[in-house]
Structures are given as C-alpha cells and as structure tokens.
Amino acid sequence: MRIANSYKVFAVVAIAVQMFFISSCSAEVTTTPQEHHVIPDAVNINTATVAELTRIPYIGERTAERIVAFRSEHGPFRRPEDLLLVQGISDQRFRQIRHLVRTE
C-alpha cells in the first residue's frame, strides 16, 4: 500500500512538472514574434554614442558606457543578441529592447 501511494505522488508531481514546462514553452512562443520586429529608426549599437544609447528605454548612462567600452574592446557587435555579453544587459532586459536595436 505504501509503495502504491508513493507512485501516485510521483505521478502527480511528474504531471505537474510537465504541465509547467509545456505552459512556459507556449508562453515563449507567443512572445517571440514581437521580439523580432525591428522598428525602422532602431539604434545601431555599432555606431551609437552614449547619448544615443541612453535614449533606449531601460538603458542608463552606465550601461550605455559599458556597451561602448565593450564595442571598443571587442569590435563591432555581429548581431543584437551580442548585447547579452555586456554587463548590465540581462536576458529580460534584452527582450524588452530587442526591437529597438540593430547592428547594420
């Protein structure tokens, strides 16, 4: 009896974990298309000055300075996702500004 109950608990936990991952995956799919739309006047992160970068929401002066310093030290960004290598740009922050930056 005791073993049967532990299997039931395990089964319930396994189903709950699967449901969590399925719901989180579907949430990502619904938000992904918005992230890839770049607005026409997006900021070119390879040529922007600190002042231009601070016009992007969620990018303060210190983060803008880090972006310029990173670019100076490592060369131009190949793609916008390279901003994730800059200290102060988290995955969440990047998703908020992705449509506002470009590298061409």
C-alpha atoms as a PDB file:
ATOM      1  CA  MET A   1       0.000   0.000   0.000  1.00  0.00           C
ATOM      2  CA  ARG A   2       2.737   2.437   0.942  1.00  0.00           C
ATOM      3  CA  ILE A   3       4.617   1.830  -2.316  1.00  0.00           C
ATOM      4  CA  ALA A   4       1.461   2.355  -4.376  1.00  0.00           C
ATOM      5  CA  ASN A   5       0.892   5.723  -2.675  1.00  0.00           C
ATOM      6  CA  SER A   6       4.463   6.872  -3.410  1.00  0.00           C
ATOM      7  CA  TYR A   7       3.989   6.014  -7.080  1.00  0.00           C
ATOM      8  CA  LYS A   8       0.808   8.079  -7.131  1.00  0.00           C
ATOM      9  CA  VAL A   9       2.633  11.031  -5.579  1.00  0.00           C
ATOM     10  CA  PHE A  10       5.469  10.638  -8.076  1.00  0.00           C
ATOM     11  CA  ALA A  11       2.995  10.515 -10.970  1.00  0.00           C
ATOM     12  CA  VAL A  12       1.206  13.656  -9.792  1.00  0.00           C
ATOM     13  CA  VAL A  13       4.497  15.535  -9.399  1.00  0.00           C
ATOM     14  CA  ALA A  14       5.712  14.378 -12.825  1.00  0.00           C
ATOM     15  CA  ILE A  15       2.494  15.563 -14.473  1.00  0.00           C
ATOM     16  CA  ALA A  16       2.702  18.913 -12.685  1.00  0.00           C
ATOM     17  CA  VAL A  17       6.290  19.417 -13.859  1.00  0.00           C
ATOM     18  CA  GLN A  18       5.341  18.541 -17.448  1.00  0.00           C
ATOM     19  CA  MET A  19       2.420  20.959 -17.370  1.00  0.00           C
ATOM     20  CA  PHE A  20       4.713  23.705 -16.076  1.00  0.00           C
ATOM     21  CA  PHE A  21       7.219  23.201 -18.898  1.00  0.00           C
ATOM     22  CA  ILE A  22       4.506  22.994 -21.551  1.00  0.00           C
ATOM     23  CA  SER A  23       2.893  26.222 -20.337  1.00  0.00           C
ATOM     24  CA  SER A  24       6.236  28.045 -20.143  1.00  0.00           C
ATOM     25  CA  CYS A  25       7.179  26.915 -23.658  1.00  0.00           C
ATOM     26  CA  SER A  26       3.900  28.098 -25.106  1.00  0.00           C
ATOM     27  CA  ALA A  27       4.348  31.470 -23.378  1.00  0.00           C
ATOM     28  CA  GLU A  28       7.709  31.890 -25.093  1.00  0.00           C
ATOM     29  CA  VAL A  29       6.228  31.111 -28.480  1.00  0.00           C
ATOM     30  CA  THR A  30       3.582  33.798 -28.119  1.00  0.00           C
ATOM     31  CA  THR A  31       6.126  36.486 -27.193  1.00  0.00           C
ATOM     32  CA  THR A  32       8.811  35.571 -29.730  1.00  0.00           C
ATOM     33  CA  PRO A  33       7.311  37.222 -32.860  1.00  0.00           C
ATOM     34  CA  GLN A  34       7.161  40.622 -31.174  1.00  0.00           C
ATOM     35  CA  GLU A  35      10.848  40.406 -30.288  1.00  0.00           C
ATOM     36  CA  HIS A  36      11.958  40.061 -33.906  1.00  0.00           C
ATOM     37  CA  HIS A  37      10.179  43.125 -35.275  1.00  0.00           C
ATOM     38  CA  VAL A  38      12.751  45.884 -35.525  1.00  0.00           C
ATOM     39  CA  ILE A  39      11.420  49.409 -35.808  1.00  0.00           C
ATOM     40  CA  PRO A  40      12.741  51.489 -38.743  1.00  0.00           C
ATOM     41  CA  ASP A  41      14.532  54.029 -36.532  1.00  0.00           C
ATOM     42  CA  ALA A  42      16.154  51.405 -34.291  1.00  0.00           C
ATOM     43  CA  VAL A  43      19.512  52.393 -32.801  1.00  0.00           C
ATOM     44  CA  ASN A  44      22.593  50.944 -34.469  1.00  0.00           C
ATOM     45  CA  ILE A  45      24.553  49.645 -31.478  1.00  0.00           C
ATOM     46  CA  ASN A  46      27.781  49.633 -33.522  1.00  0.00           C
ATOM     47  CA  THR A  47      27.763  53.374 -34.209  1.00  0.00           C
ATOM     48  CA  ALA A  48      25.637  54.864 -31.414  1.00  0.00           C
ATOM     49  CA  THR A  49      27.141  57.236 -28.891  1.00  0.00           C
ATOM     50  CA  VAL A  50      26.482  57.001 -25.156  1.00  0.00           C
ATOM     51  CA  ALA A  51      23.852  59.740 -25.510  1.00  0.00           C
ATOM     52  CA  GLU A  52      22.068  57.872 -28.309  1.00  0.00           C
ATOM     53  CA  LEU A  53      22.119  54.598 -26.374  1.00  0.00           C
ATOM     54  CA  THR A  54      20.583  56.225 -23.288  1.00  0.00           C
ATOM     55  CA  ARG A  55      17.521  57.110 -25.377  1.00  0.00           C
ATOM     56  CA  ILE A  56      16.701  53.383 -25.445  1.00  0.00           C
ATOM     57  CA  PRO A  57      14.320  52.522 -22.596  1.00  0.00           C
ATOM     58  CA  TYR A  58      15.960  50.643 -19.709  1.00  0.00           C
ATOM     59  CA  ILE A  59      19.479  51.700 -20.818  1.00  0.00           C
ATOM     60  CA  GLY A  60      21.047  54.125 -18.393  1.00  0.00           C
ATOM     61  CA  GLU A  61      24.269  56.035 -18.774  1.00  0.00           C
ATOM     62  CA  ARG A  62      26.432  53.390 -17.060  1.00  0.00           C
ATOM     63  CA  THR A  63      25.067  50.593 -19.245  1.00  0.00           C
ATOM     64  CA  ALA A  64      25.491  52.739 -22.354  1.00  0.00           C
ATOM     65  CA  GLU A  65      29.104  53.395 -21.374  1.00  0.00           C
ATOM     66  CA  ARG A  66      29.626  49.643 -20.925  1.00  0.00           C
ATOM     67  CA  ILE A  67      28.178  48.987 -24.389  1.00  0.00           C
ATOM     68  CA  VAL A  68      30.567  51.489 -25.992  1.00  0.00           C
ATOM     69  CA  ALA A  69      33.520  50.133 -23.988  1.00  0.00           C
ATOM     70  CA  PHE A  70      32.667  46.550 -24.928  1.00  0.00           C
ATOM     71  CA  ARG A  71      32.418  47.543 -28.586  1.00  0.00           C
ATOM     72  CA  SER A  72      35.774  49.342 -28.408  1.00  0.00           C
ATOM     73  CA  GLU A  73      37.475  46.376 -26.768  1.00  0.00           C
ATOM     74  CA  HIS A  74      35.902  43.516 -28.759  1.00  0.00           C
ATOM     75  CA  GLY A  75      34.972  45.123 -32.064  1.00  0.00           C
ATOM     76  CA  PRO A  76      31.538  45.655 -33.574  1.00  0.00           C
ATOM     77  CA  PHE A  77      28.562  43.594 -32.496  1.00  0.00           C
ATOM     78  CA  ARG A  78      27.712  40.942 -35.101  1.00  0.00           C
ATOM     79  CA  ARG A  79      24.102  40.663 -34.019  1.00  0.00           C
ATOM     80  CA  PRO A  80      21.889  42.375 -31.446  1.00  0.00           C
ATOM     81  CA  GLU A  81      21.981  39.291 -29.205  1.00  0.00           C
ATOM     82  CA  ASP A  82      25.665  40.030 -28.557  1.00  0.00           C
ATOM     83  CA  LEU A  83      24.457  42.741 -26.159  1.00  0.00           C
ATOM     84  CA  LEU A  84      23.885  39.909 -23.692  1.00  0.00           C
ATOM     85  CA  LEU A  85      27.671  39.808 -23.267  1.00  0.00           C
ATOM     86  CA  VAL A  86      27.646  43.336 -21.818  1.00  0.00           C
ATOM     87  CA  GLN A  87      27.400  43.622 -18.031  1.00  0.00           C
ATOM     88  CA  GLY A  88      24.012  45.072 -17.115  1.00  0.00           C
ATOM     89  CA  ILE A  89      22.115  43.557 -20.047  1.00  0.00           C
ATOM     90  CA  SER A  90      20.142  40.594 -18.756  1.00  0.00           C
ATOM     91  CA  ASP A  91      18.047  38.264 -20.870  1.00  0.00           C
ATOM     92  CA  GLN A  92      14.891  40.013 -19.686  1.00  0.00           C
ATOM     93  CA  ARG A  93      16.303  43.468 -20.412  1.00  0.00           C
ATOM     94  CA  PHE A  94      17.396  42.353 -23.870  1.00  0.00           C
ATOM     95  CA  ARG A  95      13.911  41.031 -24.671  1.00  0.00           C
ATOM     96  CA  GLN A  96      12.495  44.441 -23.711  1.00  0.00           C
ATOM     97  CA  ILE A  97      14.784  46.368 -26.069  1.00  0.00           C
ATOM     98  CA  ARG A  98      15.425  43.864 -28.898  1.00  0.00           C
ATOM     99  CA  HIS A  99      13.068  45.602 -31.314  1.00  0.00           C
ATOM    100  CA  LEU A 100      14.806  48.945 -30.666  1.00  0.00           C
ATOM    101  CA  VAL A 101      18.364  47.944 -31.626  1.00  0.00           C
ATOM    102  CA  ARG A 102      20.113  46.828 -34.790  1.00  0.00           C
ATOM    103  CA  THR A 103      23.649  46.126 -35.954  1.00  0.00           C
ATOM    104  CA  GLU A 104      23.599  47.222 -39.614  1.00  0.00           C
END
